[in-house]
């Protein structure tokens, strides 16, 4: 248990950061789910639009320290290739 005033303050700050980061992760997951749903529906236009919306959210997650940059790069790459592949299937 925190005893000194400094450790009590650090505990409060940690809880506040945890809540903010949890909200950010949840928001990012929601946008990712929308892309997945658009891909599952087979609608290439909707998937491309959802991908354009999720990319800045993922990049923001990196700058805020919620996600690692390589994780985001991998997710963006895989999603964009799947959206691109949807166009070839539809054609």
PDB file of N, CA and C in Angstrom:
ATOM      1  N   UNK A   1       0.847  -1.190   0.000  1.00  0.00           N
ATOM      2  CA  UNK A   1       0.000   0.000   0.000  1.00  0.00           C
ATOM      3  C   UNK A   1       0.884   1.242   0.000  1.00  0.00           C
ATOM      4  N   UNK A   2       0.441   2.284  -0.708  1.00  0.00           N
ATOM      5  CA  UNK A   2       1.201   3.529  -0.797  1.00  0.00           C
ATOM      6  C   UNK A   2       1.149   4.269   0.537  1.00  0.00           C
ATOM      7  N   UNK A   3       2.310   4.676   1.007  1.00  0.00           N
ATOM      8  CA  UNK A   3       2.376   5.371   2.286  1.00  0.00           C
ATOM      9  C   UNK A   3       2.795   6.822   2.151  1.00  0.00           C
ATOM     10  N   UNK A   4       3.826   7.083   1.362  1.00  0.00           N
ATOM     11  CA  UNK A   4       4.301   8.454   1.236  1.00  0.00           C
ATOM     12  C   UNK A   4       3.360   9.244   0.326  1.00  0.00           C
ATOM     13  N   UNK A   5       3.341  10.554   0.505  1.00  0.00           N
ATOM     14  CA  UNK A   5       2.479  11.375  -0.371  1.00  0.00           C
ATOM     15  C   UNK A   5       2.812  11.193  -1.850  1.00  0.00           C
ATOM     16  N   UNK A   6       4.096  11.051  -2.164  1.00  0.00           N
ATOM     17  CA  UNK A   6       4.503  10.878  -3.559  1.00  0.00           C
ATOM     18  C   UNK A   6       3.972   9.566  -4.129  1.00  0.00           C
ATOM     19  N   UNK A   7       4.061   8.487  -3.342  1.00  0.00           N
ATOM     20  CA  UNK A   7       3.579   7.197  -3.841  1.00  0.00           C
ATOM     21  C   UNK A   7       2.059   7.183  -3.955  1.00  0.00           C
ATOM     22  N   UNK A   8       1.379   7.924  -3.085  1.00  0.00           N
ATOM     23  CA  UNK A   8      -0.081   8.029  -3.195  1.00  0.00           C
ATOM     24  C   UNK A   8      -0.471   8.758  -4.477  1.00  0.00           C
ATOM     25  N   UNK A   9       0.277   9.827  -4.766  1.00  0.00           N
ATOM     26  CA  UNK A   9       0.003  10.592  -5.987  1.00  0.00           C
ATOM     27  C   UNK A   9       0.275   9.735  -7.227  1.00  0.00           C
ATOM     28  N   UNK A  10       1.391   8.980  -7.212  1.00  0.00           N
ATOM     29  CA  UNK A  10       1.704   8.126  -8.346  1.00  0.00           C
ATOM     30  C   UNK A  10       0.614   7.069  -8.560  1.00  0.00           C
ATOM     31  N   UNK A  11       0.060   6.562  -7.467  1.00  0.00           N
ATOM     32  CA  UNK A  11      -1.026   5.580  -7.575  1.00  0.00           C
ATOM     33  C   UNK A  11      -2.257   6.214  -8.213  1.00  0.00           C
ATOM     34  N   UNK A  12      -2.572   7.449  -7.820  1.00  0.00           N
ATOM     35  CA  UNK A  12      -3.719   8.157  -8.425  1.00  0.00           C
ATOM     36  C   UNK A  12      -3.473   8.396  -9.910  1.00  0.00           C
ATOM     37  N   UNK A  13      -2.267   8.829 -10.254  1.00  0.00           N
ATOM     38  CA  UNK A  13      -1.943   9.093 -11.654  1.00  0.00           C
ATOM     39  C   UNK A  13      -2.017   7.817 -12.483  1.00  0.00           C
ATOM     40  N   UNK A  14      -1.560   6.739 -11.901  1.00  0.00           N
ATOM     41  CA  UNK A  14      -1.579   5.457 -12.595  1.00  0.00           C
ATOM     42  C   UNK A  14      -3.013   5.027 -12.893  1.00  0.00           C
ATOM     43  N   UNK A  15      -3.900   5.190 -11.936  1.00  0.00           N
ATOM     44  CA  UNK A  15      -5.305   4.834 -12.153  1.00  0.00           C
ATOM     45  C   UNK A  15      -5.929   5.700 -13.237  1.00  0.00           C
ATOM     46  N   UNK A  16      -5.606   6.996 -13.230  1.00  0.00           N
ATOM     47  CA  UNK A  16      -6.164   7.907 -14.233  1.00  0.00           C
ATOM     48  C   UNK A  16      -5.663   7.533 -15.625  1.00  0.00           C
ATOM     49  N   UNK A  17      -4.352   7.257 -15.751  1.00  0.00           N
ATOM     50  CA  UNK A  17      -3.791   6.865 -17.046  1.00  0.00           C
ATOM     51  C   UNK A  17      -4.384   5.544 -17.531  1.00  0.00           C
ATOM     52  N   UNK A  18      -4.578   4.621 -16.593  1.00  0.00           N
ATOM     53  CA  UNK A  18      -5.161   3.322 -16.943  1.00  0.00           C
ATOM     54  C   UNK A  18      -6.551   3.516 -17.546  1.00  0.00           C
ATOM     55  N   UNK A  19      -7.359   4.382 -16.937  1.00  0.00           N
ATOM     56  CA  UNK A  19      -8.720   4.618 -17.437  1.00  0.00           C
ATOM     57  C   UNK A  19      -8.696   5.238 -18.830  1.00  0.00           C
ATOM     58  N   UNK A  20      -7.813   6.203 -19.040  1.00  0.00           N
ATOM     59  CA  UNK A  20      -7.723   6.865 -20.341  1.00  0.00           C
ATOM     60  C   UNK A  20      -7.252   5.887 -21.412  1.00  0.00           C
ATOM     61  N   UNK A  21      -6.212   5.110 -21.080  1.00  0.00           N
ATOM     62  CA  UNK A  21      -5.671   4.155 -22.052  1.00  0.00           C
ATOM     63  C   UNK A  21      -6.681   3.060 -22.365  1.00  0.00           C
ATOM     64  N   UNK A  22      -7.449   2.649 -21.377  1.00  0.00           N
ATOM     65  CA  UNK A  22      -8.471   1.624 -21.592  1.00  0.00           C
ATOM     66  C   UNK A  22      -9.530   2.153 -22.563  1.00  0.00           C
ATOM     67  N   UNK A  23      -9.931   3.413 -22.392  1.00  0.00           N
ATOM     68  CA  UNK A  23     -10.909   4.019 -23.292  1.00  0.00           C
ATOM     69  C   UNK A  23     -10.351   4.115 -24.706  1.00  0.00           C
ATOM     70  N   UNK A  24      -9.065   4.474 -24.829  1.00  0.00           N
ATOM     71  CA  UNK A  24      -8.443   4.576 -26.151  1.00  0.00           C
ATOM     72  C   UNK A  24      -8.403   3.221 -26.842  1.00  0.00           C
ATOM     73  N   UNK A  25      -7.996   2.188 -26.100  1.00  0.00           N
ATOM     74  CA  UNK A  25      -7.941   0.838 -26.685  1.00  0.00           C
ATOM     75  C   UNK A  25      -9.324   0.381 -27.126  1.00  0.00           C
ATOM     76  N   UNK A  26     -10.330   0.676 -26.319  1.00  0.00           N
ATOM     77  CA  UNK A  26     -11.695   0.282 -26.644  1.00  0.00           C
ATOM     78  C   UNK A  26     -12.164   0.983 -27.919  1.00  0.00           C
ATOM     79  N   UNK A  27     -11.860   2.262 -28.033  1.00  0.00           N
ATOM     80  CA  UNK A  27     -12.235   3.039 -29.216  1.00  0.00           C
ATOM     81  C   UNK A  27     -11.572   2.460 -30.463  1.00  0.00           C
ATOM     82  N   UNK A  28     -10.294   2.130 -30.362  1.00  0.00           N
ATOM     83  CA  UNK A  28      -9.563   1.572 -31.499  1.00  0.00           C
ATOM     84  C   UNK A  28     -10.150   0.226 -31.892  1.00  0.00           C
ATOM     85  N   UNK A  29     -10.459  -0.610 -30.902  1.00  0.00           N
ATOM     86  CA  UNK A  29     -11.042  -1.930 -31.188  1.00  0.00           C
ATOM     87  C   UNK A  29     -12.391  -1.801 -31.876  1.00  0.00           C
ATOM     88  N   UNK A  30     -13.167  -0.787 -31.498  1.00  0.00           N
ATOM     89  CA  UNK A  30     -14.468  -0.564 -32.131  1.00  0.00           C
ATOM     90  C   UNK A  30     -14.293  -0.253 -33.614  1.00  0.00           C
ATOM     91  N   UNK A  31     -13.336   0.628 -33.929  1.00  0.00           N
ATOM     92  CA  UNK A  31     -13.080   0.960 -35.327  1.00  0.00           C
ATOM     93  C   UNK A  31     -12.569  -0.247 -36.101  1.00  0.00           C
ATOM     94  N   UNK A  32     -11.706  -1.057 -35.466  1.00  0.00           N
ATOM     95  CA  UNK A  32     -11.210  -2.271 -36.120  1.00  0.00           C
ATOM     96  C   UNK A  32     -12.349  -3.243 -36.388  1.00  0.00           C
ATOM     97  N   UNK A  33     -13.273  -3.352 -35.440  1.00  0.00           N
ATOM     98  CA  UNK A  33     -14.413  -4.253 -35.617  1.00  0.00           C
ATOM     99  C   UNK A  33     -15.270  -3.798 -36.790  1.00  0.00           C
ATOM    100  N   UNK A  34     -15.422  -2.490 -36.984  1.00  0.00           N
ATOM    101  CA  UNK A  34     -16.212  -1.987 -38.107  1.00  0.00           C
ATOM    102  C   UNK A  34     -15.575  -2.367 -39.442  1.00  0.00           C
ATOM    103  N   UNK A  35     -14.237  -2.335 -39.492  1.00  0.00           N
ATOM    104  CA  UNK A  35     -13.545  -2.752 -40.716  1.00  0.00           C
ATOM    105  C   UNK A  35     -13.771  -4.244 -40.951  1.00  0.00           C
ATOM    106  N   UNK A  36     -13.642  -5.039 -39.892  1.00  0.00           N
ATOM    107  CA  UNK A  36     -13.849  -6.491 -40.005  1.00  0.00           C
ATOM    108  C   UNK A  36     -15.265  -6.815 -40.486  1.00  0.00           C
ATOM    109  N   UNK A  37     -16.252  -6.091 -39.959  1.00  0.00           N
ATOM    110  CA  UNK A  37     -17.633  -6.323 -40.372  1.00  0.00           C
ATOM    111  C   UNK A  37     -17.837  -5.954 -41.837  1.00  0.00           C
ATOM    112  N   UNK A  38     -17.219  -4.852 -42.269  1.00  0.00           N
ATOM    113  CA  UNK A  38     -17.331  -4.449 -43.665  1.00  0.00           C
ATOM    114  C   UNK A  38     -16.667  -5.478 -44.576  1.00  0.00           C
ATOM    115  N   UNK A  39     -15.536  -6.027 -44.131  1.00  0.00           N
ATOM    116  CA  UNK A  39     -14.871  -7.068 -44.917  1.00  0.00           C
ATOM    117  C   UNK A  39     -15.727  -8.325 -44.990  1.00  0.00           C
ATOM    118  N   UNK A  40     -16.349  -8.679 -43.874  1.00  0.00           N
ATOM    119  CA  UNK A  40     -17.186  -9.878 -43.835  1.00  0.00           C
ATOM    120  C   UNK A  40     -18.407  -9.726 -44.732  1.00  0.00           C
ATOM    121  N   UNK A  41     -18.926  -8.506 -44.834  1.00  0.00           N
ATOM    122  CA  UNK A  41     -20.094  -8.285 -45.684  1.00  0.00           C
ATOM    123  C   UNK A  41     -19.739  -8.342 -47.165  1.00  0.00           C
ATOM    124  N   UNK A  42     -18.451  -8.173 -47.473  1.00  0.00           N
ATOM    125  CA  UNK A  42     -18.021  -8.231 -48.866  1.00  0.00           C
ATOM    126  C   UNK A  42     -18.154  -6.918 -49.605  1.00  0.00           C
ATOM    127  N   UNK A  43     -18.512  -5.854 -48.893  1.00  0.00           N
ATOM    128  CA  UNK A  43     -18.670  -4.542 -49.510  1.00  0.00           C
ATOM    129  C   UNK A  43     -17.323  -3.827 -49.515  1.00  0.00           C
ATOM    130  N   UNK A  44     -16.709  -3.714 -50.692  1.00  0.00           N
ATOM    131  CA  UNK A  44     -15.369  -3.149 -50.782  1.00  0.00           C
ATOM    132  C   UNK A  44     -15.360  -1.660 -50.492  1.00  0.00           C
ATOM    133  N   UNK A  45     -16.386  -0.942 -50.907  1.00  0.00           N
ATOM    134  CA  UNK A  45     -16.448   0.505 -50.660  1.00  0.00           C
ATOM    135  C   UNK A  45     -16.558   0.799 -49.165  1.00  0.00           C
ATOM    136  N   UNK A  46     -17.429   0.054 -48.487  1.00  0.00           N
ATOM    137  CA  UNK A  46     -17.593   0.257 -47.043  1.00  0.00           C
ATOM    138  C   UNK A  46     -16.319  -0.118 -46.298  1.00  0.00           C
ATOM    139  N   UNK A  47     -15.654  -1.177 -46.729  1.00  0.00           N
ATOM    140  CA  UNK A  47     -14.415  -1.601 -46.078  1.00  0.00           C
ATOM    141  C   UNK A  47     -13.321  -0.559 -46.272  1.00  0.00           C
ATOM    142  N   UNK A  48     -13.232  -0.002 -47.467  1.00  0.00           N
ATOM    143  CA  UNK A  48     -12.225   1.028 -47.734  1.00  0.00           C
ATOM    144  C   UNK A  48     -12.499   2.278 -46.912  1.00  0.00           C
ATOM    145  N   UNK A  49     -13.765   2.651 -46.788  1.00  0.00           N
ATOM    146  CA  UNK A  49     -14.117   3.824 -45.990  1.00  0.00           C
ATOM    147  C   UNK A  49     -13.800   3.597 -44.515  1.00  0.00           C
ATOM    148  N   UNK A  50     -14.123   2.403 -44.025  1.00  0.00           N
ATOM    149  CA  UNK A  50     -13.834   2.082 -42.623  1.00  0.00           C
ATOM    150  C   UNK A  50     -12.333   2.048 -42.377  1.00  0.00           C
ATOM    151  N   UNK A  51     -11.573   1.579 -43.364  1.00  0.00           N
ATOM    152  CA  UNK A  51     -10.114   1.540 -43.227  1.00  0.00           C
ATOM    153  C   UNK A  51      -9.537   2.950 -43.160  1.00  0.00           C
ATOM    154  N   UNK A  52     -10.079   3.859 -43.963  1.00  0.00           N
ATOM    155  CA  UNK A  52      -9.601   5.248 -43.928  1.00  0.00           C
ATOM    156  C   UNK A  52      -9.880   5.895 -42.572  1.00  0.00           C
ATOM    157  N   UNK A  53     -10.949   5.464 -41.909  1.00  0.00           N
ATOM    158  CA  UNK A  53     -11.292   6.016 -40.599  1.00  0.00           C
ATOM    159  C   UNK A  53     -10.399   5.425 -39.504  1.00  0.00           C
ATOM    160  N   UNK A  54     -10.070   4.147 -39.625  1.00  0.00           N
ATOM    161  CA  UNK A  54      -9.317   3.480 -38.558  1.00  0.00           C
ATOM    162  C   UNK A  54      -7.828   3.836 -38.591  1.00  0.00           C
ATOM    163  N   UNK A  55      -7.279   4.180 -39.746  1.00  0.00           N
ATOM    164  CA  UNK A  55      -5.841   4.444 -39.834  1.00  0.00           C
ATOM    165  C   UNK A  55      -5.373   5.582 -38.921  1.00  0.00           C
ATOM    166  N   UNK A  56      -6.035   6.740 -38.899  1.00  0.00           N
ATOM    167  CA  UNK A  56      -5.573   7.775 -37.967  1.00  0.00           C
ATOM    168  C   UNK A  56      -5.774   7.388 -36.498  1.00  0.00           C
ATOM    169  N   UNK A  57      -6.797   6.587 -36.221  1.00  0.00           N
ATOM    170  CA  UNK A  57      -7.013   6.140 -34.841  1.00  0.00           C
ATOM    171  C   UNK A  57      -5.865   5.243 -34.389  1.00  0.00           C
ATOM    172  N   UNK A  58      -5.437   4.340 -35.254  1.00  0.00           N
ATOM    173  CA  UNK A  58      -4.315   3.479 -34.921  1.00  0.00           C
ATOM    174  C   UNK A  58      -3.036   4.297 -34.743  1.00  0.00           C
ATOM    175  N   UNK A  59      -2.811   5.258 -35.635  1.00  0.00           N
ATOM    176  CA  UNK A  59      -1.616   6.097 -35.527  1.00  0.00           C
ATOM    177  C   UNK A  59      -1.635   6.898 -34.225  1.00  0.00           C
ATOM    178  N   UNK A  60      -2.811   7.347 -33.835  1.00  0.00           N
ATOM    179  CA  UNK A  60      -2.939   8.086 -32.581  1.00  0.00           C
ATOM    180  C   UNK A  60      -2.641   7.186 -31.385  1.00  0.00           C
ATOM    181  N   UNK A  61      -3.025   5.928 -31.497  1.00  0.00           N
ATOM    182  CA  UNK A  61      -2.720   4.978 -30.437  1.00  0.00           C
ATOM    183  C   UNK A  61      -1.227   4.813 -30.236  1.00  0.00           C
ATOM    184  N   UNK A  62      -0.469   4.909 -31.329  1.00  0.00           N
ATOM    185  CA  UNK A  62       0.990   4.821 -31.231  1.00  0.00           C
ATOM    186  C   UNK A  62       1.550   6.053 -30.537  1.00  0.00           C
ATOM    187  N   UNK A  63       1.095   7.224 -30.953  1.00  0.00           N
ATOM    188  CA  UNK A  63       1.649   8.455 -30.379  1.00  0.00           C
ATOM    189  C   UNK A  63       1.296   8.601 -28.906  1.00  0.00           C
ATOM    190  N   UNK A  64       0.170   8.033 -28.500  1.00  0.00           N
ATOM    191  CA  UNK A  64      -0.239   8.123 -27.097  1.00  0.00           C
ATOM    192  C   UNK A  64       0.357   7.008 -26.246  1.00  0.00           C
ATOM    193  N   UNK A  65       1.067   6.080 -26.886  1.00  0.00           N
ATOM    194  CA  UNK A  65       1.727   5.029 -26.136  1.00  0.00           C
ATOM    195  C   UNK A  65       0.838   3.858 -25.765  1.00  0.00           C
ATOM    196  N   UNK A  66      -0.315   3.748 -26.401  1.00  0.00           N
ATOM    197  CA  UNK A  66      -1.241   2.654 -26.095  1.00  0.00           C
ATOM    198  C   UNK A  66      -0.845   1.398 -26.862  1.00  0.00           C
ATOM    199  N   UNK A  67      -0.374   1.579 -28.098  1.00  0.00           N
ATOM    200  CA  UNK A  67       0.006   0.459 -28.952  1.00  0.00           C
ATOM    201  C   UNK A  67       1.434   0.644 -29.450  1.00  0.00           C
ATOM    202  N   UNK A  68       2.097  -0.458 -29.750  1.00  0.00           N
ATOM    203  CA  UNK A  68       3.446  -0.400 -30.300  1.00  0.00           C
ATOM    204  C   UNK A  68       3.373  -0.094 -31.791  1.00  0.00           C
ATOM    205  N   UNK A  69       4.361   0.637 -32.292  1.00  0.00           N
ATOM    206  CA  UNK A  69       4.307   1.067 -33.698  1.00  0.00           C
ATOM    207  C   UNK A  69       4.354  -0.103 -34.669  1.00  0.00           C
ATOM    208  N   UNK A  70       5.099  -1.154 -34.334  1.00  0.00           N
ATOM    209  CA  UNK A  70       5.149  -2.312 -35.244  1.00  0.00           C
ATOM    210  C   UNK A  70       3.826  -3.065 -35.259  1.00  0.00           C
ATOM    211  N   UNK A  71       3.150  -3.105 -34.124  1.00  0.00           N
ATOM    212  CA  UNK A  71       1.833  -3.740 -34.057  1.00  0.00           C
ATOM    213  C   UNK A  71       0.855  -3.016 -34.973  1.00  0.00           C
ATOM    214  N   UNK A  72       0.878  -1.698 -34.907  1.00  0.00           N
ATOM    215  CA  UNK A  72      -0.029  -0.891 -35.729  1.00  0.00           C
ATOM    216  C   UNK A  72       0.337  -1.023 -37.204  1.00  0.00           C
ATOM    217  N   UNK A  73       1.622  -1.033 -37.501  1.00  0.00           N
ATOM    218  CA  UNK A  73       2.051  -1.184 -38.898  1.00  0.00           C
ATOM    219  C   UNK A  73       1.577  -2.524 -39.452  1.00  0.00           C
ATOM    220  N   UNK A  74       1.686  -3.571 -38.648  1.00  0.00           N
ATOM    221  CA  UNK A  74       1.246  -4.896 -39.079  1.00  0.00           C
ATOM    222  C   UNK A  74      -0.260  -4.922 -39.307  1.00  0.00           C
ATOM    223  N   UNK A  75      -1.030  -4.341 -38.369  1.00  0.00           N
ATOM    224  CA  UNK A  75      -2.486  -4.320 -38.506  1.00  0.00           C
ATOM    225  C   UNK A  75      -2.907  -3.537 -39.744  1.00  0.00           C
ATOM    226  N   UNK A  76      -2.306  -2.368 -39.970  1.00  0.00           N
ATOM    227  CA  UNK A  76      -2.650  -1.554 -41.130  1.00  0.00           C
ATOM    228  C   UNK A  76      -2.332  -2.302 -42.423  1.00  0.00           C
ATOM    229  N   UNK A  77      -1.175  -2.937 -42.446  1.00  0.00           N
ATOM    230  CA  UNK A  77      -0.762  -3.659 -43.645  1.00  0.00           C
ATOM    231  C   UNK A  77      -1.723  -4.803 -43.952  1.00  0.00           C
ATOM    232  N   UNK A  78      -2.043  -5.581 -42.943  1.00  0.00           N
ATOM    233  CA  UNK A  78      -2.915  -6.741 -43.165  1.00  0.00           C
ATOM    234  C   UNK A  78      -4.331  -6.320 -43.541  1.00  0.00           C
ATOM    235  N   UNK A  79      -4.843  -5.268 -42.892  1.00  0.00           N
ATOM    236  CA  UNK A  79      -6.193  -4.804 -43.224  1.00  0.00           C
ATOM    237  C   UNK A  79      -6.243  -4.241 -44.639  1.00  0.00           C
ATOM    238  N   UNK A  80      -5.243  -3.424 -44.989  1.00  0.00           N
ATOM    239  CA  UNK A  80      -5.263  -2.820 -46.317  1.00  0.00           C
ATOM    240  C   UNK A  80      -5.127  -3.877 -47.412  1.00  0.00           C
ATOM    241  N   UNK A  81      -4.329  -4.920 -47.148  1.00  0.00           N
ATOM    242  CA  UNK A  81      -4.211  -5.973 -48.159  1.00  0.00           C
ATOM    243  C   UNK A  81      -5.513  -6.758 -48.283  1.00  0.00           C
ATOM    244  N   UNK A  82      -6.216  -6.944 -47.168  1.00  0.00           N
ATOM    245  CA  UNK A  82      -7.503  -7.641 -47.232  1.00  0.00           C
ATOM    246  C   UNK A  82      -8.543  -6.809 -47.979  1.00  0.00           C
ATOM    247  N   UNK A  83      -8.548  -5.491 -47.754  1.00  0.00           N
ATOM    248  CA  UNK A  83      -9.483  -4.611 -48.467  1.00  0.00           C
ATOM    249  C   UNK A  83      -9.144  -4.617 -49.954  1.00  0.00           C
ATOM    250  N   UNK A  84      -7.856  -4.566 -50.243  1.00  0.00           N
ATOM    251  CA  UNK A  84      -7.413  -4.594 -51.639  1.00  0.00           C
ATOM    252  C   UNK A  84      -7.790  -5.926 -52.296  1.00  0.00           C
ATOM    253  N   UNK A  85      -7.651  -7.011 -51.562  1.00  0.00           N
ATOM    254  CA  UNK A  85      -7.988  -8.328 -52.074  1.00  0.00           C
ATOM    255  C   UNK A  85      -9.467  -8.482 -52.328  1.00  0.00           C
ATOM    256  N   UNK A  86     -10.269  -7.736 -51.589  1.00  0.00           N
ATOM    257  CA  UNK A  86     -11.722  -7.777 -51.777  1.00  0.00           C
ATOM    258  C   UNK A  86     -12.076  -7.242 -53.162  1.00  0.00           C
ATOM    259  N   UNK A  87     -11.315  -6.281 -53.646  1.00  0.00           N
ATOM    260  CA  UNK A  87     -11.567  -5.708 -54.974  1.00  0.00           C
ATOM    261  C   UNK A  87     -11.305  -6.734 -56.077  1.00  0.00           C
ATOM    262  N   UNK A  88     -10.261  -7.538 -55.906  1.00  0.00           N
ATOM    263  CA  UNK A  88      -9.946  -8.524 -56.940  1.00  0.00           C
ATOM    264  C   UNK A  88     -10.959  -9.659 -56.952  1.00  0.00           C
ATOM    265  N   UNK A  89     -11.500  -9.996 -55.772  1.00  0.00           N
ATOM    266  CA  UNK A  89     -12.519 -11.031 -55.693  1.00  0.00           C
ATOM    267  C   UNK A  89     -13.808 -10.550 -56.352  1.00  0.00           C
ATOM    268  N   UNK A  90     -14.151  -9.268 -56.130  1.00  0.00           N
ATOM    269  CA  UNK A  90     -15.395  -8.724 -56.676  1.00  0.00           C
ATOM    270  C   UNK A  90     -15.304  -8.527 -58.185  1.00  0.00           C
ATOM    271  N   UNK A  91     -14.091  -8.306 -58.701  1.00  0.00           N
ATOM    272  CA  UNK A  91     -13.926  -8.021 -60.129  1.00  0.00           C
ATOM    273  C   UNK A  91     -14.051  -9.236 -61.010  1.00  0.00           C
TER     274      UNK A  91
END
